[in-house]
PDB file of N, CA and C in Angstrom:
ATOM      1  N   MET A   1      -2.653   0.677  -4.360  1.00  0.00           N
ATOM      2  CA  MET A   1      -2.800  -0.763  -4.472  1.00  0.00           C
ATOM      3  C   MET A   1      -3.586  -1.034  -5.743  1.00  0.00           C
ATOM      4  N   ALA A   2      -3.040  -1.878  -6.593  1.00  0.00           N
ATOM      5  CA  ALA A   2      -3.720  -2.256  -7.823  1.00  0.00           C
ATOM      6  C   ALA A   2      -4.707  -3.393  -7.533  1.00  0.00           C
ATOM      7  N   GLN A   3      -5.539  -3.712  -8.516  1.00  0.00           N
ATOM      8  CA  GLN A   3      -6.522  -4.782  -8.373  1.00  0.00           C
ATOM      9  C   GLN A   3      -5.812  -6.114  -8.145  1.00  0.00           C
ATOM     10  N   ASN A   4      -6.340  -6.882  -7.197  1.00  0.00           N
ATOM     11  CA  ASN A   4      -5.775  -8.207  -6.951  1.00  0.00           C
ATOM     12  C   ASN A   4      -5.980  -9.107  -8.166  1.00  0.00           C
ATOM     13  N   TYR A   5      -5.163 -10.141  -8.283  1.00  0.00           N
ATOM     14  CA  TYR A   5      -5.320 -11.113  -9.360  1.00  0.00           C
ATOM     15  C   TYR A   5      -4.936 -12.490  -8.845  1.00  0.00           C
ATOM     16  N   PRO A   6      -5.573 -13.534  -9.315  1.00  0.00           N
ATOM     17  CA  PRO A   6      -6.795 -13.456 -10.109  1.00  0.00           C
ATOM     18  C   PRO A   6      -7.962 -12.948  -9.262  1.00  0.00           C
ATOM     19  N   ASN A   7      -8.971 -12.484  -9.929  1.00  0.00           N
ATOM     20  CA  ASN A   7     -10.183 -12.021  -9.254  1.00  0.00           C
ATOM     21  C   ASN A   7     -11.354 -12.268 -10.191  1.00  0.00           C
ATOM     22  N   PRO A   8     -12.266 -13.171  -9.852  1.00  0.00           N
ATOM     23  CA  PRO A   8     -12.368 -13.935  -8.612  1.00  0.00           C
ATOM     24  C   PRO A   8     -11.234 -14.957  -8.497  1.00  0.00           C
ATOM     25  N   PHE A   9     -11.047 -15.453  -7.246  1.00  0.00           N
ATOM     26  CA  PHE A   9     -10.006 -16.435  -6.995  1.00  0.00           C
ATOM     27  C   PHE A   9     -10.566 -17.578  -6.171  1.00  0.00           C
ATOM     28  N   ASN A  10      -9.822 -18.707  -6.194  1.00  0.00           N
ATOM     29  CA  ASN A  10     -10.283 -19.892  -5.481  1.00  0.00           C
ATOM     30  C   ASN A  10      -9.460 -20.184  -4.237  1.00  0.00           C
ATOM     31  N   SER A  11      -8.151 -20.110  -4.347  1.00  0.00           N
ATOM     32  CA  SER A  11      -7.347 -20.465  -3.182  1.00  0.00           C
ATOM     33  C   SER A  11      -6.392 -19.350  -2.764  1.00  0.00           C
ATOM     34  N   THR A  12      -5.748 -18.704  -3.711  1.00  0.00           N
ATOM     35  CA  THR A  12      -4.783 -17.655  -3.397  1.00  0.00           C
ATOM     36  C   THR A  12      -4.927 -16.517  -4.392  1.00  0.00           C
ATOM     37  N   THR A  13      -4.748 -15.300  -3.893  1.00  0.00           N
ATOM     38  CA  THR A  13      -4.749 -14.126  -4.753  1.00  0.00           C
ATOM     39  C   THR A  13      -3.560 -13.254  -4.391  1.00  0.00           C
ATOM     40  N   VAL A  14      -3.176 -12.400  -5.304  1.00  0.00           N
ATOM     41  CA  VAL A  14      -2.023 -11.519  -5.124  1.00  0.00           C
ATOM     42  C   VAL A  14      -2.490 -10.072  -5.194  1.00  0.00           C
ATOM     43  N   LEU A  15      -2.038  -9.281  -4.225  1.00  0.00           N
ATOM     44  CA  LEU A  15      -2.340  -7.850  -4.206  1.00  0.00           C
ATOM     45  C   LEU A  15      -1.065  -7.082  -4.548  1.00  0.00           C
ATOM     46  N   PRO A  16      -1.010  -6.443  -5.729  1.00  0.00           N
ATOM     47  CA  PRO A  16       0.143  -5.611  -6.058  1.00  0.00           C
ATOM     48  C   PRO A  16       0.065  -4.313  -5.252  1.00  0.00           C
ATOM     49  N   VAL A  17       1.136  -3.994  -4.543  1.00  0.00           N
ATOM     50  CA  VAL A  17       1.141  -2.848  -3.625  1.00  0.00           C
ATOM     51  C   VAL A  17       2.343  -1.964  -3.924  1.00  0.00           C
ATOM     52  N   ILE A  18       2.098  -0.671  -4.015  1.00  0.00           N
ATOM     53  CA  ILE A  18       3.180   0.300  -4.114  1.00  0.00           C
ATOM     54  C   ILE A  18       3.153   1.126  -2.839  1.00  0.00           C
ATOM     55  N   VAL A  19       4.216   1.030  -2.070  1.00  0.00           N
ATOM     56  CA  VAL A  19       4.351   1.858  -0.870  1.00  0.00           C
ATOM     57  C   VAL A  19       4.973   3.171  -1.333  1.00  0.00           C
ATOM     58  N   PRO A  20       4.265   4.290  -1.123  1.00  0.00           N
ATOM     59  CA  PRO A  20       4.746   5.569  -1.651  1.00  0.00           C
ATOM     60  C   PRO A  20       6.043   6.042  -1.001  1.00  0.00           C
ATOM     61  N   ARG A  21       6.809   6.781  -1.769  1.00  0.00           N
ATOM     62  CA  ARG A  21       8.077   7.331  -1.290  1.00  0.00           C
ATOM     63  C   ARG A  21       7.872   8.173  -0.034  1.00  0.00           C
ATOM     64  N   GLU A  22       6.727   8.853   0.039  1.00  0.00           N
ATOM     65  CA  GLU A  22       6.423   9.697   1.189  1.00  0.00           C
ATOM     66  C   GLU A  22       6.347   8.897   2.484  1.00  0.00           C
ATOM     67  N   ASN A  23       6.104   7.606   2.378  1.00  0.00           N
ATOM     68  CA  ASN A  23       5.998   6.764   3.575  1.00  0.00           C
ATOM     69  C   ASN A  23       7.351   6.636   4.275  1.00  0.00           C
ATOM     70  N   ASN A  24       8.434   6.660   3.496  1.00  0.00           N
ATOM     71  CA  ASN A  24       9.803   6.707   4.019  1.00  0.00           C
ATOM     72  C   ASN A  24      10.081   5.664   5.103  1.00  0.00           C
ATOM     73  N   GLY A  25       9.638   4.419   4.860  1.00  0.00           N
ATOM     74  CA  GLY A  25       9.900   3.338   5.808  1.00  0.00           C
ATOM     75  C   GLY A  25       8.984   3.333   7.013  1.00  0.00           C
ATOM     76  N   GLY A  26       7.922   4.128   6.960  1.00  0.00           N
ATOM     77  CA  GLY A  26       6.964   4.183   8.065  1.00  0.00           C
ATOM     78  C   GLY A  26       6.053   2.972   8.090  1.00  0.00           C
ATOM     79  N   ARG A  27       5.094   3.027   8.993  1.00  0.00           N
ATOM     80  CA  ARG A  27       4.163   1.912   9.195  1.00  0.00           C
ATOM     81  C   ARG A  27       3.235   1.753   7.996  1.00  0.00           C
ATOM     82  N   VAL A  28       3.046   0.514   7.599  1.00  0.00           N
ATOM     83  CA  VAL A  28       2.125   0.147   6.526  1.00  0.00           C
ATOM     84  C   VAL A  28       1.198  -0.928   7.069  1.00  0.00           C
ATOM     85  N   GLU A  29      -0.076  -0.777   6.770  1.00  0.00           N
ATOM     86  CA  GLU A  29      -1.058  -1.782   7.161  1.00  0.00           C
ATOM     87  C   GLU A  29      -1.779  -2.268   5.908  1.00  0.00           C
ATOM     88  N   ILE A  30      -1.775  -3.577   5.709  1.00  0.00           N
ATOM     89  CA  ILE A  30      -2.538  -4.196   4.629  1.00  0.00           C
ATOM     90  C   ILE A  30      -3.400  -5.261   5.284  1.00  0.00           C
ATOM     91  N   ALA A  31      -4.712  -5.142   5.100  1.00  0.00           N
ATOM     92  CA  ALA A  31      -5.636  -6.050   5.774  1.00  0.00           C
ATOM     93  C   ALA A  31      -6.791  -6.407   4.855  1.00  0.00           C
ATOM     94  N   VAL A  32      -7.501  -7.466   5.233  1.00  0.00           N
ATOM     95  CA  VAL A  32      -8.678  -7.935   4.511  1.00  0.00           C
ATOM     96  C   VAL A  32      -9.863  -7.870   5.464  1.00  0.00           C
ATOM     97  N   PHE A  33     -10.994  -7.344   4.976  1.00  0.00           N
ATOM     98  CA  PHE A  33     -12.213  -7.201   5.759  1.00  0.00           C
ATOM     99  C   PHE A  33     -13.371  -7.880   5.043  1.00  0.00           C
ATOM    100  N   ASP A  34     -14.358  -8.358   5.814  1.00  0.00           N
ATOM    101  CA  ASP A  34     -15.582  -8.855   5.193  1.00  0.00           C
ATOM    102  C   ASP A  34     -16.507  -7.661   4.938  1.00  0.00           C
ATOM    103  N   LEU A  35     -17.654  -7.912   4.333  1.00  0.00           N
ATOM    104  CA  LEU A  35     -18.561  -6.816   3.984  1.00  0.00           C
ATOM    105  C   LEU A  35     -19.236  -6.186   5.192  1.00  0.00           C
ATOM    106  N   GLN A  36     -19.149  -6.813   6.351  1.00  0.00           N
ATOM    107  CA  GLN A  36     -19.682  -6.223   7.573  1.00  0.00           C
ATOM    108  C   GLN A  36     -18.627  -5.341   8.257  1.00  0.00           C
ATOM    109  N   GLY A  37     -17.457  -5.236   7.661  1.00  0.00           N
ATOM    110  CA  GLY A  37     -16.399  -4.399   8.205  1.00  0.00           C
ATOM    111  C   GLY A  37     -15.534  -5.070   9.249  1.00  0.00           C
ATOM    112  N   ARG A  38     -15.677  -6.367   9.425  1.00  0.00           N
ATOM    113  CA  ARG A  38     -14.847  -7.096  10.391  1.00  0.00           C
ATOM    114  C   ARG A  38     -13.516  -7.470   9.744  1.00  0.00           C
ATOM    115  N   ARG A  39     -12.442  -7.243  10.485  1.00  0.00           N
ATOM    116  CA  ARG A  39     -11.116  -7.623   9.989  1.00  0.00           C
ATOM    117  C   ARG A  39     -11.046  -9.145   9.937  1.00  0.00           C
ATOM    118  N   VAL A  40     -10.689  -9.662   8.771  1.00  0.00           N
ATOM    119  CA  VAL A  40     -10.563 -11.096   8.565  1.00  0.00           C
ATOM    120  C   VAL A  40      -9.100 -11.513   8.695  1.00  0.00           C
ATOM    121  N   ARG A  41      -8.223 -10.713   8.093  1.00  0.00           N
ATOM    122  CA  ARG A  41      -6.802 -11.075   8.079  1.00  0.00           C
ATOM    123  C   ARG A  41      -5.936  -9.825   8.009  1.00  0.00           C
ATOM    124  N   SER A  42      -4.909  -9.809   8.808  1.00  0.00           N
ATOM    125  CA  SER A  42      -3.891  -8.762   8.738  1.00  0.00           C
ATOM    126  C   SER A  42      -2.718  -9.346   7.961  1.00  0.00           C
ATOM    127  N   LEU A  43      -2.397  -8.748   6.810  1.00  0.00           N
ATOM    128  CA  LEU A  43      -1.335  -9.270   5.955  1.00  0.00           C
ATOM    129  C   LEU A  43       0.003  -8.585   6.222  1.00  0.00           C
ATOM    130  N   VAL A  44      -0.032  -7.294   6.479  1.00  0.00           N
ATOM    131  CA  VAL A  44       1.166  -6.515   6.807  1.00  0.00           C
ATOM    132  C   VAL A  44       0.759  -5.514   7.866  1.00  0.00           C
ATOM    133  N   ASN A  45       1.601  -5.350   8.891  1.00  0.00           N
ATOM    134  CA  ASN A  45       1.322  -4.343   9.915  1.00  0.00           C
ATOM    135  C   ASN A  45       2.646  -3.957  10.572  1.00  0.00           C
ATOM    136  N   GLY A  46       3.326  -3.019   9.943  1.00  0.00           N
ATOM    137  CA  GLY A  46       4.610  -2.584  10.469  1.00  0.00           C
ATOM    138  C   GLY A  46       5.362  -1.758   9.455  1.00  0.00           C
ATOM    139  N   PRO A  47       6.603  -1.430   9.768  1.00  0.00           N
ATOM    140  CA  PRO A  47       7.389  -0.609   8.855  1.00  0.00           C
ATOM    141  C   PRO A  47       7.684  -1.346   7.554  1.00  0.00           C
ATOM    142  N   LEU A  48       7.624  -0.602   6.453  1.00  0.00           N
ATOM    143  CA  LEU A  48       7.901  -1.170   5.138  1.00  0.00           C
ATOM    144  C   LEU A  48       8.510  -0.064   4.287  1.00  0.00           C
ATOM    145  N   PRO A  49       9.683  -0.305   3.718  1.00  0.00           N
ATOM    146  CA  PRO A  49      10.315   0.720   2.890  1.00  0.00           C
ATOM    147  C   PRO A  49       9.493   0.992   1.630  1.00  0.00           C
ATOM    148  N   PRO A  50       9.628   2.177   1.056  1.00  0.00           N
ATOM    149  CA  PRO A  50       8.945   2.478  -0.209  1.00  0.00           C
ATOM    150  C   PRO A  50       9.354   1.463  -1.274  1.00  0.00           C
ATOM    151  N   GLY A  51       8.409   1.122  -2.149  1.00  0.00           N
ATOM    152  CA  GLY A  51       8.710   0.191  -3.232  1.00  0.00           C
ATOM    153  C   GLY A  51       7.493  -0.591  -3.667  1.00  0.00           C
ATOM    154  N   PHE A  52       7.717  -1.552  -4.540  1.00  0.00           N
ATOM    155  CA  PHE A  52       6.664  -2.389  -5.113  1.00  0.00           C
ATOM    156  C   PHE A  52       6.711  -3.764  -4.456  1.00  0.00           C
ATOM    157  N   TYR A  53       5.541  -4.257  -4.031  1.00  0.00           N
ATOM    158  CA  TYR A  53       5.444  -5.551  -3.356  1.00  0.00           C
ATOM    159  C   TYR A  53       4.284  -6.347  -3.923  1.00  0.00           C
ATOM    160  N   LEU A  54       4.400  -7.665  -3.889  1.00  0.00           N
ATOM    161  CA  LEU A  54       3.307  -8.566  -4.208  1.00  0.00           C
ATOM    162  C   LEU A  54       2.935  -9.273  -2.907  1.00  0.00           C
ATOM    163  N   VAL A  55       1.750  -8.969  -2.402  1.00  0.00           N
ATOM    164  CA  VAL A  55       1.289  -9.514  -1.123  1.00  0.00           C
ATOM    165  C   VAL A  55       0.252 -10.593  -1.424  1.00  0.00           C
ATOM    166  N   ARG A  56       0.456 -11.774  -0.897  1.00  0.00           N
ATOM    167  CA  ARG A  56      -0.456 -12.897  -1.163  1.00  0.00           C
ATOM    168  C   ARG A  56      -1.435 -13.085  -0.006  1.00  0.00           C
ATOM    169  N   TRP A  57      -2.680 -13.450  -0.382  1.00  0.00           N
ATOM    170  CA  TRP A  57      -3.668 -13.844   0.618  1.00  0.00           C
ATOM    171  C   TRP A  57      -4.189 -15.218   0.229  1.00  0.00           C
ATOM    172  N   ASP A  58      -4.150 -16.139   1.172  1.00  0.00           N
ATOM    173  CA  ASP A  58      -4.516 -17.528   0.921  1.00  0.00           C
ATOM    174  C   ASP A  58      -5.970 -17.852   1.262  1.00  0.00           C
ATOM    175  N   GLY A  59      -6.796 -16.828   1.451  1.00  0.00           N
ATOM    176  CA  GLY A  59      -8.207 -17.078   1.747  1.00  0.00           C
ATOM    177  C   GLY A  59      -8.452 -17.582   3.152  1.00  0.00           C
ATOM    178  N   ARG A  60      -7.502 -17.319   4.051  1.00  0.00           N
ATOM    179  CA  ARG A  60      -7.631 -17.764   5.439  1.00  0.00           C
ATOM    180  C   ARG A  60      -7.702 -16.575   6.383  1.00  0.00           C
ATOM    181  N   SER A  61      -8.294 -16.814   7.531  1.00  0.00           N
ATOM    182  CA  SER A  61      -8.396 -15.787   8.569  1.00  0.00           C
ATOM    183  C   SER A  61      -7.085 -15.718   9.349  1.00  0.00           C
ATOM    184  N   ASP A  62      -6.992 -14.757  10.265  1.00  0.00           N
ATOM    185  CA  ASP A  62      -5.825 -14.672  11.143  1.00  0.00           C
ATOM    186  C   ASP A  62      -5.655 -15.940  11.967  1.00  0.00           C
ATOM    187  N   GLU A  63      -6.755 -16.643  12.237  1.00  0.00           N
ATOM    188  CA  GLU A  63      -6.701 -17.884  13.023  1.00  0.00           C
ATOM    189  C   GLU A  63      -6.324 -19.093  12.177  1.00  0.00           C
ATOM    190  N   GLY A  64      -6.163 -18.910  10.864  1.00  0.00           N
ATOM    191  CA  GLY A  64      -5.779 -20.007   9.984  1.00  0.00           C
ATOM    192  C   GLY A  64      -6.934 -20.775   9.389  1.00  0.00           C
ATOM    193  N   ARG A  65      -8.163 -20.337   9.637  1.00  0.00           N
ATOM    194  CA  ARG A  65      -9.341 -21.022   9.082  1.00  0.00           C
ATOM    195  C   ARG A  65      -9.667 -20.495   7.686  1.00  0.00           C
ATOM    196  N   SER A  66     -10.106 -21.383   6.810  1.00  0.00           N
ATOM    197  CA  SER A  66     -10.569 -20.966   5.487  1.00  0.00           C
ATOM    198  C   SER A  66     -11.825 -20.129   5.654  1.00  0.00           C
ATOM    199  N   VAL A  67     -11.884 -18.990   4.968  1.00  0.00           N
ATOM    200  CA  VAL A  67     -13.072 -18.136   5.055  1.00  0.00           C
ATOM    201  C   VAL A  67     -14.066 -18.553   3.977  1.00  0.00           C
ATOM    202  N   ALA A  68     -15.308 -18.151   4.154  1.00  0.00           N
ATOM    203  CA  ALA A  68     -16.381 -18.531   3.231  1.00  0.00           C
ATOM    204  C   ALA A  68     -16.260 -17.793   1.904  1.00  0.00           C
ATOM    205  N   SER A  69     -16.883 -18.363   0.882  1.00  0.00           N
ATOM    206  CA  SER A  69     -16.987 -17.663  -0.398  1.00  0.00           C
ATOM    207  C   SER A  69     -17.669 -16.331  -0.181  1.00  0.00           C
ATOM    208  N   GLY A  70     -17.275 -15.346  -0.972  1.00  0.00           N
ATOM    209  CA  GLY A  70     -17.927 -14.044  -0.870  1.00  0.00           C
ATOM    210  C   GLY A  70     -17.019 -12.923  -1.315  1.00  0.00           C
ATOM    211  N   VAL A  71     -17.494 -11.705  -1.070  1.00  0.00           N
ATOM    212  CA  VAL A  71     -16.760 -10.497  -1.431  1.00  0.00           C
ATOM    213  C   VAL A  71     -16.010 -10.006  -0.198  1.00  0.00           C
ATOM    214  N   TYR A  72     -14.754  -9.662  -0.391  1.00  0.00           N
ATOM    215  CA  TYR A  72     -13.911  -9.144   0.680  1.00  0.00           C
ATOM    216  C   TYR A  72     -13.281  -7.832   0.228  1.00  0.00           C
ATOM    217  N   ILE A  73     -12.938  -7.008   1.182  1.00  0.00           N
ATOM    218  CA  ILE A  73     -12.337  -5.712   0.904  1.00  0.00           C
ATOM    219  C   ILE A  73     -10.875  -5.737   1.334  1.00  0.00           C
ATOM    220  N   SER A  74      -9.991  -5.374   0.416  1.00  0.00           N
ATOM    221  CA  SER A  74      -8.577  -5.215   0.774  1.00  0.00           C
ATOM    222  C   SER A  74      -8.350  -3.750   1.118  1.00  0.00           C
ATOM    223  N   MET A  75      -7.470  -3.501   2.080  1.00  0.00           N
ATOM    224  CA  MET A  75      -7.205  -2.140   2.520  1.00  0.00           C
ATOM    225  C   MET A  75      -5.703  -1.953   2.713  1.00  0.00           C
ATOM    226  N   LEU A  76      -5.195  -0.863   2.133  1.00  0.00           N
ATOM    227  CA  LEU A  76      -3.806  -0.458   2.319  1.00  0.00           C
ATOM    228  C   LEU A  76      -3.819   0.909   2.977  1.00  0.00           C
ATOM    229  N   ARG A  77      -3.141   1.002   4.122  1.00  0.00           N
ATOM    230  CA  ARG A  77      -3.009   2.289   4.809  1.00  0.00           C
ATOM    231  C   ARG A  77      -1.514   2.547   4.987  1.00  0.00           C
ATOM    232  N   ALA A  78      -1.070   3.675   4.444  1.00  0.00           N
ATOM    233  CA  ALA A  78       0.320   4.112   4.604  1.00  0.00           C
ATOM    234  C   ALA A  78       0.264   5.620   4.830  1.00  0.00           C
ATOM    235  N   GLU A  79       1.376   6.202   5.147  1.00  0.00           N
ATOM    236  CA  GLU A  79       1.469   7.625   5.476  1.00  0.00           C
ATOM    237  C   GLU A  79       0.532   8.496   4.646  1.00  0.00           C
ATOM    238  N   GLY A  80      -0.569   8.936   5.248  1.00  0.00           N
ATOM    239  CA  GLY A  80      -1.505   9.845   4.591  1.00  0.00           C
ATOM    240  C   GLY A  80      -2.273   9.245   3.429  1.00  0.00           C
ATOM    241  N   SER A  81      -2.273   7.939   3.284  1.00  0.00           N
ATOM    242  CA  SER A  81      -2.917   7.301   2.143  1.00  0.00           C
ATOM    243  C   SER A  81      -3.773   6.127   2.607  1.00  0.00           C
ATOM    244  N   LEU A  82      -4.960   6.014   2.030  1.00  0.00           N
ATOM    245  CA  LEU A  82      -5.843   4.875   2.293  1.00  0.00           C
ATOM    246  C   LEU A  82      -6.401   4.417   0.954  1.00  0.00           C
ATOM    247  N   GLN A  83      -6.187   3.142   0.628  1.00  0.00           N
ATOM    248  CA  GLN A  83      -6.681   2.581  -0.628  1.00  0.00           C
ATOM    249  C   GLN A  83      -7.421   1.287  -0.329  1.00  0.00           C
ATOM    250  N   THR A  84      -8.490   1.058  -1.072  1.00  0.00           N
ATOM    251  CA  THR A  84      -9.270  -0.169  -0.890  1.00  0.00           C
ATOM    252  C   THR A  84      -9.555  -0.816  -2.237  1.00  0.00           C
ATOM    253  N   GLY A  85      -9.931  -2.080  -2.206  1.00  0.00           N
ATOM    254  CA  GLY A  85     -10.324  -2.802  -3.390  1.00  0.00           C
ATOM    255  C   GLY A  85     -11.239  -3.958  -3.020  1.00  0.00           C
ATOM    256  N   LYS A  86     -11.967  -4.465  -4.006  1.00  0.00           N
ATOM    257  CA  LYS A  86     -12.873  -5.604  -3.788  1.00  0.00           C
ATOM    258  C   LYS A  86     -12.249  -6.878  -4.346  1.00  0.00           C
ATOM    259  N   MET A  87     -12.422  -7.962  -3.592  1.00  0.00           N
ATOM    260  CA  MET A  87     -11.934  -9.274  -4.017  1.00  0.00           C
ATOM    261  C   MET A  87     -13.085 -10.262  -3.878  1.00  0.00           C
ATOM    262  N   VAL A  88     -13.166 -11.193  -4.807  1.00  0.00           N
ATOM    263  CA  VAL A  88     -14.217 -12.207  -4.765  1.00  0.00           C
ATOM    264  C   VAL A  88     -13.572 -13.583  -4.595  1.00  0.00           C
ATOM    265  N   LEU A  89     -13.926 -14.249  -3.508  1.00  0.00           N
ATOM    266  CA  LEU A  89     -13.441 -15.599  -3.223  1.00  0.00           C
ATOM    267  C   LEU A  89     -14.532 -16.593  -3.551  1.00  0.00           C
ATOM    268  N   ILE A  90     -14.195 -17.577  -4.368  1.00  0.00           N
ATOM    269  CA  ILE A  90     -15.155 -18.628  -4.735  1.00  0.00           C
ATOM    270  C   ILE A  90     -14.564 -19.970  -4.316  1.00  0.00           C
ATOM    271  N   ARG A  91     -15.230 -20.644  -3.389  1.00  0.00           N
ATOM    272  CA  ARG A  91     -14.760 -21.954  -2.905  1.00  0.00           C
ATOM    273  C   ARG A  91     -15.360 -23.062  -3.736  1.00  0.00           C
TER     274      ARG A  91
END
Protein backbone atom coordinates (compact mmCIF):
# COMPACT_ATOMS: atom_id res chain seq x y z
CA MET A 1 0.00 0.00 0.00
CA ALA A 2 1.44 3.34 -1.02
CA GLN A 3 1.05 6.57 0.97
CA ASN A 4 -2.47 7.97 0.91
CA TYR A 5 -3.08 11.28 -0.86
CA PRO A 6 -3.69 13.97 -0.10
CA ASN A 7 -2.06 13.75 3.30
CA PRO A 8 -3.02 15.61 5.41
CA PHE A 9 -6.59 15.61 4.11
CA ASN A 10 -9.83 17.37 4.97
CA SER A 11 -12.72 15.35 3.63
CA THR A 12 -11.55 12.44 1.46
CA THR A 13 -8.28 10.63 0.90
CA VAL A 14 -7.22 7.90 -1.50
CA LEU A 15 -5.18 4.83 -0.59
CA PRO A 16 -3.34 3.30 -3.56
CA VAL A 17 -3.35 -0.48 -3.02
CA ILE A 18 -1.60 -3.28 -4.87
CA VAL A 19 -3.01 -6.70 -4.12
CA PRO A 20 -0.11 -9.11 -4.69
CA ARG A 21 -0.31 -11.88 -7.26
CA GLU A 22 0.31 -14.37 -4.45
CA ASN A 23 -3.08 -13.43 -2.99
CA ASN A 24 -4.73 -15.11 -6.01
CA GLY A 25 -8.22 -13.71 -5.32
CA GLY A 26 -8.05 -14.48 -1.61
CA ARG A 27 -9.35 -12.39 1.26
CA VAL A 28 -8.13 -8.81 1.54
CA GLU A 29 -8.74 -6.54 4.50
CA ILE A 30 -8.26 -2.77 4.33
CA ALA A 31 -9.17 -0.88 7.49
CA VAL A 32 -8.59 2.37 9.34
CA PHE A 33 -7.65 2.49 13.04
CA ASP A 34 -7.23 5.31 15.55
CA LEU A 35 -4.02 5.66 17.56
CA GLN A 36 -5.52 3.62 20.40
CA GLY A 37 -5.82 0.67 18.01
CA ARG A 38 -9.61 0.80 17.70
CA ARG A 39 -11.02 -0.03 14.28
CA VAL A 40 -12.68 3.10 12.91
CA ARG A 41 -13.68 1.91 9.44
CA SER A 42 -13.54 -1.27 7.41
CA LEU A 43 -13.00 -0.30 3.76
CA VAL A 44 -12.54 -3.75 2.19
CA ASN A 45 -13.09 -7.16 3.77
CA GLY A 46 -13.39 -10.01 1.33
CA PRO A 47 -11.98 -11.60 -1.78
CA LEU A 48 -10.17 -9.28 -4.17
CA PRO A 49 -8.29 -10.31 -7.31
CA PRO A 50 -4.62 -9.30 -7.67
CA GLY A 51 -4.17 -5.83 -9.14
CA PHE A 52 -4.02 -2.09 -8.49
CA TYR A 53 -6.88 -0.32 -6.68
CA LEU A 54 -7.65 3.18 -5.44
CA VAL A 55 -9.56 2.89 -2.16
CA ARG A 56 -11.24 6.04 -0.85
CA TRP A 57 -11.90 6.96 2.77
CA ASP A 58 -14.32 9.79 3.48
CA GLY A 59 -13.25 10.42 7.08
CA ARG A 60 -16.28 8.59 8.47
CA SER A 61 -16.66 5.67 10.84
CA ASP A 62 -18.44 2.41 10.03
CA GLU A 63 -21.53 4.02 11.60
CA GLY A 64 -21.37 6.93 9.14
CA ARG A 65 -20.24 9.55 11.67
CA SER A 66 -17.47 12.03 10.85
CA VAL A 67 -14.38 11.18 12.90
CA ALA A 68 -12.32 13.77 14.76
CA SER A 69 -9.20 15.44 13.44
CA GLY A 70 -6.09 13.43 14.16
CA VAL A 71 -3.71 10.72 13.04
CA TYR A 72 -5.13 7.44 11.77
CA ILE A 73 -3.48 4.21 10.70
CA SER A 74 -4.37 2.48 7.44
CA MET A 75 -3.87 -1.28 7.32
CA LEU A 76 -3.78 -3.69 4.39
CA ARG A 77 -3.77 -7.41 5.13
CA ALA A 78 -3.56 -9.90 2.27
CA GLU A 79 -2.11 -13.40 1.90
CA GLY A 80 1.01 -13.36 4.09
CA SER A 81 1.33 -9.58 3.91
CA LEU A 82 0.60 -6.78 6.37
CA GLN A 83 1.19 -3.12 5.46
CA THR A 84 0.39 0.02 7.41
CA GLY A 85 0.55 3.76 6.89
CA LYS A 86 -0.22 7.01 8.73
CA MET A 87 -2.91 9.45 7.64
CA VAL A 88 -3.64 12.88 9.06
CA LEU A 89 -7.22 14.18 9.04
CA ILE A 90 -7.73 17.90 9.58
CA ARG A 91 -11.31 19.13 10.04
